Amino acid sequence: MDGDITLREAQQLVDQWIRQYGVRYFSELTNMACLTEEVGELARVMARKYGDQSFKKGEPQDPSDEMADVLWVLLCLANQTGTDLTEALRKNLEKKTKRDNTRHINNEKLKSKN
């Protein structure tokens, strides 16, 4: 797997992997629970790396693998529900741009951190 991967390609790669090695997708509800679990694991690493907690001996300290786990399960859910994440992200960016195009620029709370 060399080079950049688009969201659409990532969805296809996950689907191919599931069909070759995973037998079938877990149910959507099971994958939603798995996504919650993976987000919790990412939160644990983030709390220790950037927050006030310290790492336990042997605990992973790099959030990248946990982020990839979150993405993996999200890609599974997208495949299961027929969601094209490329198109969904495009529409979401349009929505955010229309709704929030001046909201953050005019937020005094954000200006005070500079």
PDB file of N, CA and C in Angstrom:
ATOM      1  N   MET A   1       0.843  -1.173   0.000  1.00  0.00           N
ATOM      2  CA  MET A   1       0.000   0.000   0.000  1.00  0.00           C
ATOM      3  C   MET A   1       0.890   1.238   0.000  1.00  0.00           C
ATOM      4  N   ASP A   2       1.259   1.684  -1.158  1.00  0.00           N
ATOM      5  CA  ASP A   2       2.123   2.855  -1.295  1.00  0.00           C
ATOM      6  C   ASP A   2       1.302   4.063  -1.714  1.00  0.00           C
ATOM      7  N   GLY A   3       1.748   5.234  -1.311  1.00  0.00           N
ATOM      8  CA  GLY A   3       1.099   6.468  -1.729  1.00  0.00           C
ATOM      9  C   GLY A   3      -0.128   6.805  -0.912  1.00  0.00           C
ATOM     10  N   ASP A   4      -0.742   7.909  -1.299  1.00  0.00           N
ATOM     11  CA  ASP A   4      -1.934   8.385  -0.613  1.00  0.00           C
ATOM     12  C   ASP A   4      -3.135   7.521  -0.967  1.00  0.00           C
ATOM     13  N   ILE A   5      -4.062   7.436  -0.041  1.00  0.00           N
ATOM     14  CA  ILE A   5      -5.290   6.671  -0.237  1.00  0.00           C
ATOM     15  C   ILE A   5      -6.459   7.633  -0.085  1.00  0.00           C
ATOM     16  N   THR A   6      -7.364   7.627  -1.039  1.00  0.00           N
ATOM     17  CA  THR A   6      -8.568   8.440  -0.911  1.00  0.00           C
ATOM     18  C   THR A   6      -9.537   7.742   0.044  1.00  0.00           C
ATOM     19  N   LEU A   7     -10.531   8.476   0.499  1.00  0.00           N
ATOM     20  CA  LEU A   7     -11.553   7.859   1.350  1.00  0.00           C
ATOM     21  C   LEU A   7     -12.258   6.721   0.621  1.00  0.00           C
ATOM     22  N   ARG A   8     -12.566   6.940  -0.641  1.00  0.00           N
ATOM     23  CA  ARG A   8     -13.250   5.904  -1.428  1.00  0.00           C
ATOM     24  C   ARG A   8     -12.378   4.652  -1.535  1.00  0.00           C
ATOM     25  N   GLU A   9     -11.082   4.849  -1.781  1.00  0.00           N
ATOM     26  CA  GLU A   9     -10.163   3.704  -1.846  1.00  0.00           C
ATOM     27  C   GLU A   9     -10.067   3.013  -0.489  1.00  0.00           C
ATOM     28  N   ALA A  10     -10.054   3.796   0.583  1.00  0.00           N
ATOM     29  CA  ALA A  10      -9.998   3.211   1.924  1.00  0.00           C
ATOM     30  C   ALA A  10     -11.228   2.353   2.179  1.00  0.00           C
ATOM     31  N   GLN A  11     -12.391   2.833   1.773  1.00  0.00           N
ATOM     32  CA  GLN A  11     -13.606   2.035   1.934  1.00  0.00           C
ATOM     33  C   GLN A  11     -13.497   0.728   1.150  1.00  0.00           C
ATOM     34  N   GLN A  12     -12.963   0.798  -0.048  1.00  0.00           N
ATOM     35  CA  GLN A  12     -12.803  -0.406  -0.864  1.00  0.00           C
ATOM     36  C   GLN A  12     -11.788  -1.367  -0.250  1.00  0.00           C
ATOM     37  N   LEU A  13     -10.674  -0.833   0.255  1.00  0.00           N
ATOM     38  CA  LEU A  13      -9.654  -1.680   0.881  1.00  0.00           C
ATOM     39  C   LEU A  13     -10.194  -2.401   2.113  1.00  0.00           C
ATOM     40  N   VAL A  14     -10.948  -1.684   2.938  1.00  0.00           N
ATOM     41  CA  VAL A  14     -11.544  -2.305   4.124  1.00  0.00           C
ATOM     42  C   VAL A  14     -12.528  -3.390   3.699  1.00  0.00           C
ATOM     43  N   ASP A  15     -13.343  -3.105   2.695  1.00  0.00           N
ATOM     44  CA  ASP A  15     -14.312  -4.099   2.224  1.00  0.00           C
ATOM     45  C   ASP A  15     -13.606  -5.348   1.700  1.00  0.00           C
ATOM     46  N   GLN A  16     -12.541  -5.157   0.933  1.00  0.00           N
ATOM     47  CA  GLN A  16     -11.775  -6.305   0.426  1.00  0.00           C
ATOM     48  C   GLN A  16     -11.179  -7.106   1.576  1.00  0.00           C
ATOM     49  N   TRP A  17     -10.634  -6.424   2.579  1.00  0.00           N
ATOM     50  CA  TRP A  17     -10.032  -7.107   3.724  1.00  0.00           C
ATOM     51  C   TRP A  17     -11.083  -7.909   4.482  1.00  0.00           C
ATOM     52  N   ILE A  18     -12.233  -7.297   4.715  1.00  0.00           N
ATOM     53  CA  ILE A  18     -13.316  -7.986   5.435  1.00  0.00           C
ATOM     54  C   ILE A  18     -13.716  -9.245   4.678  1.00  0.00           C
ATOM     55  N   ARG A  19     -13.881  -9.149   3.388  1.00  0.00           N
ATOM     56  CA  ARG A  19     -14.306 -10.308   2.589  1.00  0.00           C
ATOM     57  C   ARG A  19     -13.227 -11.392   2.535  1.00  0.00           C
ATOM     58  N   GLN A  20     -11.961 -10.993   2.554  1.00  0.00           N
ATOM     59  CA  GLN A  20     -10.877 -11.972   2.466  1.00  0.00           C
ATOM     60  C   GLN A  20     -10.535 -12.590   3.817  1.00  0.00           C
ATOM     61  N   TYR A  21     -10.477 -11.775   4.863  1.00  0.00           N
ATOM     62  CA  TYR A  21      -9.993 -12.253   6.158  1.00  0.00           C
ATOM     63  C   TYR A  21     -11.038 -12.240   7.269  1.00  0.00           C
ATOM     64  N   GLY A  22     -12.027 -11.414   7.145  1.00  0.00           N
ATOM     65  CA  GLY A  22     -12.969 -11.234   8.238  1.00  0.00           C
ATOM     66  C   GLY A  22     -14.248 -12.036   8.106  1.00  0.00           C
ATOM     67  N   VAL A  23     -14.406 -12.767   7.036  1.00  0.00           N
ATOM     68  CA  VAL A  23     -15.586 -13.569   6.714  1.00  0.00           C
ATOM     69  C   VAL A  23     -16.775 -12.664   6.371  1.00  0.00           C
ATOM     70  N   ARG A  24     -17.193 -11.812   7.317  1.00  0.00           N
ATOM     71  CA  ARG A  24     -18.289 -10.874   7.068  1.00  0.00           C
ATOM     72  C   ARG A  24     -18.155  -9.717   8.049  1.00  0.00           C
ATOM     73  N   TYR A  25     -18.909  -8.678   7.783  1.00  0.00           N
ATOM     74  CA  TYR A  25     -18.953  -7.548   8.717  1.00  0.00           C
ATOM     75  C   TYR A  25     -19.683  -7.976   9.988  1.00  0.00           C
ATOM     76  N   PHE A  26     -19.264  -7.413  11.122  1.00  0.00           N
ATOM     77  CA  PHE A  26     -20.081  -7.518  12.324  1.00  0.00           C
ATOM     78  C   PHE A  26     -21.359  -6.721  12.057  1.00  0.00           C
ATOM     79  N   SER A  27     -22.378  -6.919  12.862  1.00  0.00           N
ATOM     80  CA  SER A  27     -23.602  -6.137  12.685  1.00  0.00           C
ATOM     81  C   SER A  27     -23.299  -4.652  12.893  1.00  0.00           C
ATOM     82  N   GLU A  28     -24.162  -3.822  12.351  1.00  0.00           N
ATOM     83  CA  GLU A  28     -23.983  -2.379  12.493  1.00  0.00           C
ATOM     84  C   GLU A  28     -23.955  -1.964  13.967  1.00  0.00           C
ATOM     85  N   LEU A  29     -24.817  -2.574  14.768  1.00  0.00           N
ATOM     86  CA  LEU A  29     -24.852  -2.223  16.189  1.00  0.00           C
ATOM     87  C   LEU A  29     -23.565  -2.654  16.891  1.00  0.00           C
ATOM     88  N   THR A  30     -23.057  -3.843  16.548  1.00  0.00           N
ATOM     89  CA  THR A  30     -21.784  -4.293  17.120  1.00  0.00           C
ATOM     90  C   THR A  30     -20.665  -3.348  16.713  1.00  0.00           C
ATOM     91  N   ASN A  31     -20.644  -2.954  15.445  1.00  0.00           N
ATOM     92  CA  ASN A  31     -19.598  -2.031  14.992  1.00  0.00           C
ATOM     93  C   ASN A  31     -19.738  -0.657  15.636  1.00  0.00           C
ATOM     94  N   MET A  32     -20.959  -0.233  15.935  1.00  0.00           N
ATOM     95  CA  MET A  32     -21.128   1.037  16.648  1.00  0.00           C
ATOM     96  C   MET A  32     -20.529   0.926  18.042  1.00  0.00           C
ATOM     97  N   ALA A  33     -20.745  -0.206  18.702  1.00  0.00           N
ATOM     98  CA  ALA A  33     -20.138  -0.427  20.019  1.00  0.00           C
ATOM     99  C   ALA A  33     -18.615  -0.485  19.899  1.00  0.00           C
ATOM    100  N   CYS A  34     -18.114  -1.131  18.841  1.00  0.00           N
ATOM    101  CA  CYS A  34     -16.660  -1.190  18.613  1.00  0.00           C
ATOM    102  C   CYS A  34     -16.093   0.206  18.377  1.00  0.00           C
ATOM    103  N   LEU A  35     -16.825   1.047  17.643  1.00  0.00           N
ATOM    104  CA  LEU A  35     -16.370   2.418  17.401  1.00  0.00           C
ATOM    105  C   LEU A  35     -16.267   3.182  18.719  1.00  0.00           C
ATOM    106  N   THR A  36     -17.264   3.009  19.565  1.00  0.00           N
ATOM    107  CA  THR A  36     -17.242   3.663  20.877  1.00  0.00           C
ATOM    108  C   THR A  36     -16.040   3.193  21.689  1.00  0.00           C
ATOM    109  N   GLU A  37     -15.776   1.895  21.641  1.00  0.00           N
ATOM    110  CA  GLU A  37     -14.620   1.330  22.349  1.00  0.00           C
ATOM    111  C   GLU A  37     -13.312   1.920  21.826  1.00  0.00           C
ATOM    112  N   GLU A  38     -13.174   1.994  20.508  1.00  0.00           N
ATOM    113  CA  GLU A  38     -11.943   2.518  19.912  1.00  0.00           C
ATOM    114  C   GLU A  38     -11.758   4.003  20.218  1.00  0.00           C
ATOM    115  N   VAL A  39     -12.842   4.767  20.220  1.00  0.00           N
ATOM    116  CA  VAL A  39     -12.750   6.185  20.582  1.00  0.00           C
ATOM    117  C   VAL A  39     -12.301   6.311  22.034  1.00  0.00           C
ATOM    118  N   GLY A  40     -12.784   5.415  22.892  1.00  0.00           N
ATOM    119  CA  GLY A  40     -12.343   5.418  24.288  1.00  0.00           C
ATOM    120  C   GLY A  40     -10.859   5.127  24.422  1.00  0.00           C
ATOM    121  N   GLU A  41     -10.354   4.191  23.620  1.00  0.00           N
ATOM    122  CA  GLU A  41      -8.923   3.883  23.652  1.00  0.00           C
ATOM    123  C   GLU A  41      -8.100   5.078  23.171  1.00  0.00           C
ATOM    124  N   LEU A  42      -8.591   5.767  22.155  1.00  0.00           N
ATOM    125  CA  LEU A  42      -7.919   6.982  21.688  1.00  0.00           C
ATOM    126  C   LEU A  42      -7.955   8.053  22.774  1.00  0.00           C
ATOM    127  N   ALA A  43      -9.087   8.189  23.431  1.00  0.00           N
ATOM    128  CA  ALA A  43      -9.213   9.187  24.500  1.00  0.00           C
ATOM    129  C   ALA A  43      -8.226   8.908  25.627  1.00  0.00           C
ATOM    130  N   ARG A  44      -8.026   7.638  25.942  1.00  0.00           N
ATOM    131  CA  ARG A  44      -7.076   7.275  26.995  1.00  0.00           C
ATOM    132  C   ARG A  44      -5.667   7.741  26.631  1.00  0.00           C
ATOM    133  N   VAL A  45      -5.238   7.479  25.402  1.00  0.00           N
ATOM    134  CA  VAL A  45      -3.904   7.904  24.963  1.00  0.00           C
ATOM    135  C   VAL A  45      -3.802   9.430  24.967  1.00  0.00           C
ATOM    136  N   MET A  46      -4.829  10.102  24.475  1.00  0.00           N
ATOM    137  CA  MET A  46      -4.804  11.564  24.415  1.00  0.00           C
ATOM    138  C   MET A  46      -4.758  12.178  25.814  1.00  0.00           C
ATOM    139  N   ALA A  47      -5.510  11.595  26.751  1.00  0.00           N
ATOM    140  CA  ALA A  47      -5.531  12.115  28.129  1.00  0.00           C
ATOM    141  C   ALA A  47      -4.167  11.997  28.783  1.00  0.00           C
ATOM    142  N   ARG A  48      -3.456  10.932  28.433  1.00  0.00           N
ATOM    143  CA  ARG A  48      -2.148  10.724  29.035  1.00  0.00           C
ATOM    144  C   ARG A  48      -1.059  11.519  28.321  1.00  0.00           C
ATOM    145  N   LYS A  49      -1.163  11.620  27.009  1.00  0.00           N
ATOM    146  CA  LYS A  49      -0.129  12.322  26.246  1.00  0.00           C
ATOM    147  C   LYS A  49      -0.273  13.843  26.347  1.00  0.00           C
ATOM    148  N   TYR A  50      -1.491  14.343  26.286  1.00  0.00           N
ATOM    149  CA  TYR A  50      -1.714  15.792  26.255  1.00  0.00           C
ATOM    150  C   TYR A  50      -2.422  16.327  27.497  1.00  0.00           C
ATOM    151  N   GLY A  51      -2.903  15.438  28.337  1.00  0.00           N
ATOM    152  CA  GLY A  51      -3.621  15.851  29.537  1.00  0.00           C
ATOM    153  C   GLY A  51      -2.775  15.678  30.778  1.00  0.00           C
ATOM    154  N   ASP A  52      -3.448  15.535  31.888  1.00  0.00           N
ATOM    155  CA  ASP A  52      -2.782  15.510  33.189  1.00  0.00           C
ATOM    156  C   ASP A  52      -2.406  14.115  33.677  1.00  0.00           C
ATOM    157  N   GLN A  53      -2.928  13.081  33.040  1.00  0.00           N
ATOM    158  CA  GLN A  53      -2.614  11.732  33.493  1.00  0.00           C
ATOM    159  C   GLN A  53      -1.272  11.270  32.944  1.00  0.00           C
ATOM    160  N   SER A  54      -0.675  10.297  33.622  1.00  0.00           N
ATOM    161  CA  SER A  54       0.582   9.711  33.144  1.00  0.00           C
ATOM    162  C   SER A  54       0.299   8.324  32.578  1.00  0.00           C
ATOM    163  N   PHE A  55       1.203   7.857  31.737  1.00  0.00           N
ATOM    164  CA  PHE A  55       1.064   6.533  31.143  1.00  0.00           C
ATOM    165  C   PHE A  55       1.404   5.455  32.159  1.00  0.00           C
ATOM    166  N   LYS A  56       0.696   4.340  32.056  1.00  0.00           N
ATOM    167  CA  LYS A  56       1.056   3.154  32.824  1.00  0.00           C
ATOM    168  C   LYS A  56       2.162   2.441  32.053  1.00  0.00           C
ATOM    169  N   LYS A  57       2.958   1.678  32.742  1.00  0.00           N
ATOM    170  CA  LYS A  57       4.054   0.951  32.111  1.00  0.00           C
ATOM    171  C   LYS A  57       3.501   0.034  31.011  1.00  0.00           C
ATOM    172  N   GLY A  58       4.105   0.132  29.829  1.00  0.00           N
ATOM    173  CA  GLY A  58       3.725  -0.718  28.711  1.00  0.00           C
ATOM    174  C   GLY A  58       2.533  -0.230  27.903  1.00  0.00           C
ATOM    175  N   GLU A  59       1.912   0.860  28.320  1.00  0.00           N
ATOM    176  CA  GLU A  59       0.770   1.403  27.595  1.00  0.00           C
ATOM    177  C   GLU A  59       1.225   2.078  26.311  1.00  0.00           C
ATOM    178  N   PRO A  60       0.472   1.921  25.215  1.00  0.00           N
ATOM    179  CA  PRO A  60       0.845   2.626  23.987  1.00  0.00           C
ATOM    180  C   PRO A  60       0.768   4.137  24.190  1.00  0.00           C
ATOM    181  N   GLN A  61       1.737   4.855  23.614  1.00  0.00           N
ATOM    182  CA  GLN A  61       1.795   6.306  23.791  1.00  0.00           C
ATOM    183  C   GLN A  61       1.555   7.079  22.498  1.00  0.00           C
ATOM    184  N   ASP A  62       1.515   6.386  21.385  1.00  0.00           N
ATOM    185  CA  ASP A  62       1.323   7.028  20.088  1.00  0.00           C
ATOM    186  C   ASP A  62      -0.152   6.919  19.699  1.00  0.00           C
ATOM    187  N   PRO A  63      -0.835   8.043  19.517  1.00  0.00           N
ATOM    188  CA  PRO A  63      -2.262   7.971  19.197  1.00  0.00           C
ATOM    189  C   PRO A  63      -2.570   7.501  17.776  1.00  0.00           C
ATOM    190  N   SER A  64      -1.569   7.411  16.905  1.00  0.00           N
ATOM    191  CA  SER A  64      -1.843   7.120  15.493  1.00  0.00           C
ATOM    192  C   SER A  64      -2.515   5.769  15.280  1.00  0.00           C
ATOM    193  N   ASP A  65      -2.098   4.741  16.005  1.00  0.00           N
ATOM    194  CA  ASP A  65      -2.719   3.428  15.830  1.00  0.00           C
ATOM    195  C   ASP A  65      -4.168   3.441  16.309  1.00  0.00           C
ATOM    196  N   GLU A  66      -4.423   4.144  17.399  1.00  0.00           N
ATOM    197  CA  GLU A  66      -5.801   4.245  17.895  1.00  0.00           C
ATOM    198  C   GLU A  66      -6.661   5.045  16.919  1.00  0.00           C
ATOM    199  N   MET A  67      -6.090   6.095  16.323  1.00  0.00           N
ATOM    200  CA  MET A  67      -6.825   6.860  15.311  1.00  0.00           C
ATOM    201  C   MET A  67      -7.156   5.981  14.112  1.00  0.00           C
ATOM    202  N   ALA A  68      -6.201   5.144  13.713  1.00  0.00           N
ATOM    203  CA  ALA A  68      -6.437   4.237  12.589  1.00  0.00           C
ATOM    204  C   ALA A  68      -7.525   3.225  12.929  1.00  0.00           C
ATOM    205  N   ASP A  69      -7.571   2.757  14.183  1.00  0.00           N
ATOM    206  CA  ASP A  69      -8.639   1.839  14.599  1.00  0.00           C
ATOM    207  C   ASP A  69     -10.005   2.516  14.511  1.00  0.00           C
ATOM    208  N   VAL A  70     -10.082   3.776  14.938  1.00  0.00           N
ATOM    209  CA  VAL A  70     -11.336   4.532  14.842  1.00  0.00           C
ATOM    210  C   VAL A  70     -11.748   4.651  13.378  1.00  0.00           C
ATOM    211  N   LEU A  71     -10.799   5.012  12.522  1.00  0.00           N
ATOM    212  CA  LEU A  71     -11.084   5.158  11.096  1.00  0.00           C
ATOM    213  C   LEU A  71     -11.539   3.836  10.496  1.00  0.00           C
ATOM    214  N   TRP A  72     -10.893   2.743  10.869  1.00  0.00           N
ATOM    215  CA  TRP A  72     -11.238   1.411  10.355  1.00  0.00           C
ATOM    216  C   TRP A  72     -12.708   1.092  10.615  1.00  0.00           C
ATOM    217  N   VAL A  73     -13.126   1.255  11.862  1.00  0.00           N
ATOM    218  CA  VAL A  73     -14.508   0.911  12.209  1.00  0.00           C
ATOM    219  C   VAL A  73     -15.481   1.879  11.542  1.00  0.00           C
ATOM    220  N   LEU A  74     -15.110   3.151  11.434  1.00  0.00           N
ATOM    221  CA  LEU A  74     -15.960   4.112  10.739  1.00  0.00           C
ATOM    222  C   LEU A  74     -16.115   3.729   9.263  1.00  0.00           C
ATOM    223  N   LEU A  75     -15.028   3.285   8.645  1.00  0.00           N
ATOM    224  CA  LEU A  75     -15.094   2.824   7.252  1.00  0.00           C
ATOM    225  C   LEU A  75     -15.997   1.601   7.132  1.00  0.00           C
ATOM    226  N   CYS A  76     -15.918   0.696   8.095  1.00  0.00           N
ATOM    227  CA  CYS A  76     -16.818  -0.468   8.103  1.00  0.00           C
ATOM    228  C   CYS A  76     -18.273  -0.019   8.155  1.00  0.00           C
ATOM    229  N   LEU A  77     -18.580   0.883   9.077  1.00  0.00           N
ATOM    230  CA  LEU A  77     -19.956   1.370   9.215  1.00  0.00           C
ATOM    231  C   LEU A  77     -20.427   2.073   7.945  1.00  0.00           C
ATOM    232  N   ALA A  78     -19.550   2.837   7.325  1.00  0.00           N
ATOM    233  CA  ALA A  78     -19.910   3.505   6.073  1.00  0.00           C
ATOM    234  C   ALA A  78     -20.239   2.474   5.000  1.00  0.00           C
ATOM    235  N   ASN A  79     -19.416   1.451   4.890  1.00  0.00           N
ATOM    236  CA  ASN A  79     -19.679   0.402   3.907  1.00  0.00           C
ATOM    237  C   ASN A  79     -21.003  -0.293   4.189  1.00  0.00           C
ATOM    238  N   GLN A  80     -21.250  -0.594   5.445  1.00  0.00           N
ATOM    239  CA  GLN A  80     -22.466  -1.317   5.816  1.00  0.00           C
ATOM    240  C   GLN A  80     -23.731  -0.511   5.551  1.00  0.00           C
ATOM    241  N   THR A  81     -23.641   0.795   5.693  1.00  0.00           N
ATOM    242  CA  THR A  81     -24.828   1.639   5.541  1.00  0.00           C
ATOM    243  C   THR A  81     -24.927   2.273   4.157  1.00  0.00           C
ATOM    244  N   GLY A  82     -23.996   1.924   3.273  1.00  0.00           N
ATOM    245  CA  GLY A  82     -24.026   2.471   1.922  1.00  0.00           C
ATOM    246  C   GLY A  82     -23.657   3.947   1.859  1.00  0.00           C
ATOM    247  N   THR A  83     -22.856   4.401   2.807  1.00  0.00           N
ATOM    248  CA  THR A  83     -22.446   5.799   2.862  1.00  0.00           C
ATOM    249  C   THR A  83     -21.134   5.992   2.115  1.00  0.00           C
ATOM    250  N   ASP A  84     -21.142   6.863   1.131  1.00  0.00           N
ATOM    251  CA  ASP A  84     -19.925   7.254   0.423  1.00  0.00           C
ATOM    252  C   ASP A  84     -19.306   8.384   1.240  1.00  0.00           C
ATOM    253  N   LEU A  85     -18.246   8.079   1.972  1.00  0.00           N
ATOM    254  CA  LEU A  85     -17.650   9.072   2.867  1.00  0.00           C
ATOM    255  C   LEU A  85     -17.061  10.265   2.122  1.00  0.00           C
ATOM    256  N   THR A  86     -16.606  10.063   0.900  1.00  0.00           N
ATOM    257  CA  THR A  86     -16.092  11.179   0.108  1.00  0.00           C
ATOM    258  C   THR A  86     -17.201  12.196  -0.118  1.00  0.00           C
ATOM    259  N   GLU A  87     -18.348  11.707  -0.559  1.00  0.00           N
ATOM    260  CA  GLU A  87     -19.487  12.588  -0.813  1.00  0.00           C
ATOM    261  C   GLU A  87     -20.036  13.163   0.491  1.00  0.00           C
ATOM    262  N   ALA A  88     -20.096  12.350   1.529  1.00  0.00           N
ATOM    263  CA  ALA A  88     -20.598  12.824   2.825  1.00  0.00           C
ATOM    264  C   ALA A  88     -19.713  13.936   3.378  1.00  0.00           C
ATOM    265  N   LEU A  89     -18.397  13.784   3.258  1.00  0.00           N
ATOM    266  CA  LEU A  89     -17.478  14.814   3.744  1.00  0.00           C
ATOM    267  C   LEU A  89     -17.605  16.091   2.924  1.00  0.00           C
ATOM    268  N   ARG A  90     -17.736  15.945   1.614  1.00  0.00           N
ATOM    269  CA  ARG A  90     -17.906  17.114   0.746  1.00  0.00           C
ATOM    270  C   ARG A  90     -19.150  17.898   1.155  1.00  0.00           C
ATOM    271  N   LYS A  91     -20.261  17.196   1.332  1.00  0.00           N
ATOM    272  CA  LYS A  91     -21.511  17.853   1.735  1.00  0.00           C
ATOM    273  C   LYS A  91     -21.384  18.473   3.125  1.00  0.00           C
ATOM    274  N   ASN A  92     -20.694  17.790   4.027  1.00  0.00           N
ATOM    275  CA  ASN A  92     -20.528  18.290   5.385  1.00  0.00           C
ATOM    276  C   ASN A  92     -19.686  19.564   5.400  1.00  0.00           C
ATOM    277  N   LEU A  93     -18.634  19.597   4.581  1.00  0.00           N
ATOM    278  CA  LEU A  93     -17.803  20.805   4.481  1.00  0.00           C
ATOM    279  C   LEU A  93     -18.602  21.981   3.922  1.00  0.00           C
ATOM    280  N   GLU A  94     -19.446  21.701   2.927  1.00  0.00           N
ATOM    281  CA  GLU A  94     -20.304  22.755   2.376  1.00  0.00           C
ATOM    282  C   GLU A  94     -21.243  23.290   3.455  1.00  0.00           C
ATOM    283  N   LYS A  95     -21.842  22.381   4.219  1.00  0.00           N
ATOM    284  CA  LYS A  95     -22.762  22.774   5.292  1.00  0.00           C
ATOM    285  C   LYS A  95     -22.047  23.635   6.325  1.00  0.00           C
ATOM    286  N   LYS A  96     -20.876  23.187   6.761  1.00  0.00           N
ATOM    287  CA  LYS A  96     -20.117  23.930   7.768  1.00  0.00           C
ATOM    288  C   LYS A  96     -19.680  25.300   7.244  1.00  0.00           C
ATOM    289  N   THR A  97     -19.271  25.358   5.990  1.00  0.00           N
ATOM    290  CA  THR A  97     -18.835  26.620   5.399  1.00  0.00           C
ATOM    291  C   THR A  97     -19.994  27.608   5.337  1.00  0.00           C
ATOM    292  N   LYS A  98     -21.153  27.127   4.922  1.00  0.00           N
ATOM    293  CA  LYS A  98     -22.328  27.994   4.837  1.00  0.00           C
ATOM    294  C   LYS A  98     -22.759  28.460   6.223  1.00  0.00           C
ATOM    295  N   ARG A  99     -22.768  27.553   7.172  1.00  0.00           N
ATOM    296  CA  ARG A  99     -23.260  27.850   8.516  1.00  0.00           C
ATOM    297  C   ARG A  99     -22.247  28.628   9.355  1.00  0.00           C
ATOM    298  N   ASP A 100     -20.975  28.290   9.218  1.00  0.00           N
ATOM    299  CA  ASP A 100     -19.958  28.791  10.146  1.00  0.00           C
ATOM    300  C   ASP A 100     -18.895  29.667   9.499  1.00  0.00           C
ATOM    301  N   ASN A 101     -19.154  30.204   8.311  1.00  0.00           N
ATOM    302  CA  ASN A 101     -18.085  30.906   7.589  1.00  0.00           C
ATOM    303  C   ASN A 101     -17.542  32.130   8.321  1.00  0.00           C
ATOM    304  N   THR A 102     -18.290  32.709   9.249  1.00  0.00           N
ATOM    305  CA  THR A 102     -17.750  33.819  10.051  1.00  0.00           C
ATOM    306  C   THR A 102     -17.819  33.539  11.551  1.00  0.00           C
ATOM    307  N   ARG A 103     -18.438  32.460  11.925  1.00  0.00           N
ATOM    308  CA  ARG A 103     -18.663  32.163  13.343  1.00  0.00           C
ATOM    309  C   ARG A 103     -17.363  32.113  14.140  1.00  0.00           C
ATOM    310  N   HIS A 104     -16.379  31.388  13.667  1.00  0.00           N
ATOM    311  CA  HIS A 104     -15.136  31.221  14.422  1.00  0.00           C
ATOM    312  C   HIS A 104     -14.220  32.440  14.295  1.00  0.00           C
ATOM    313  N   ILE A 105     -14.251  33.080  13.151  1.00  0.00           N
ATOM    314  CA  ILE A 105     -13.453  34.290  12.945  1.00  0.00           C
ATOM    315  C   ILE A 105     -13.878  35.377  13.926  1.00  0.00           C
ATOM    316  N   ASN A 106     -15.172  35.430  14.229  1.00  0.00           N
ATOM    317  CA  ASN A 106     -15.708  36.457  15.126  1.00  0.00           C
ATOM    318  C   ASN A 106     -15.795  36.003  16.582  1.00  0.00           C
ATOM    319  N   ASN A 107     -15.263  34.853  16.893  1.00  0.00           N
ATOM    320  CA  ASN A 107     -15.325  34.323  18.259  1.00  0.00           C
ATOM    321  C   ASN A 107     -14.180  34.903  19.088  1.00  0.00           C
ATOM    322  N   GLU A 108     -14.510  35.766  20.020  1.00  0.00           N
ATOM    323  CA  GLU A 108     -13.501  36.420  20.858  1.00  0.00           C
ATOM    324  C   GLU A 108     -12.699  35.417  21.686  1.00  0.00           C
ATOM    325  N   LYS A 109     -13.322  34.318  22.065  1.00  0.00           N
ATOM    326  CA  LYS A 109     -12.622  33.301  22.857  1.00  0.00           C
ATOM    327  C   LYS A 109     -11.453  32.703  22.074  1.00  0.00           C
ATOM    328  N   LEU A 110     -11.622  32.565  20.776  1.00  0.00           N
ATOM    329  CA  LEU A 110     -10.546  32.010  19.950  1.00  0.00           C
ATOM    330  C   LEU A 110      -9.446  33.035  19.709  1.00  0.00           C
ATOM    331  N   LYS A 111      -9.795  34.285  19.638  1.00  0.00           N
ATOM    332  CA  LYS A 111      -8.806  35.341  19.400  1.00  0.00           C
ATOM    333  C   LYS A 111      -7.866  35.517  20.586  1.00  0.00           C
ATOM    334  N   SER A 112      -8.326  35.249  21.777  1.00  0.00           N
ATOM    335  CA  SER A 112      -7.515  35.486  22.978  1.00  0.00           C
ATOM    336  C   SER A 112      -6.376  34.492  23.149  1.00  0.00           C
ATOM    337  N   LYS A 113      -6.345  33.403  22.401  1.00  0.00           N
ATOM    338  CA  LYS A 113      -5.297  32.385  22.534  1.00  0.00           C
ATOM    339  C   LYS A 113      -4.068  32.687  21.696  1.00  0.00           C
ATOM    340  N   ASN A 114      -4.093  33.716  20.880  1.00  0.00           N
ATOM    341  CA  ASN A 114      -2.958  34.008  19.987  1.00  0.00           C
ATOM    342  C   ASN A 114      -1.788  34.545  20.707  1.00  0.00           C
TER     343      ASN A 114
END
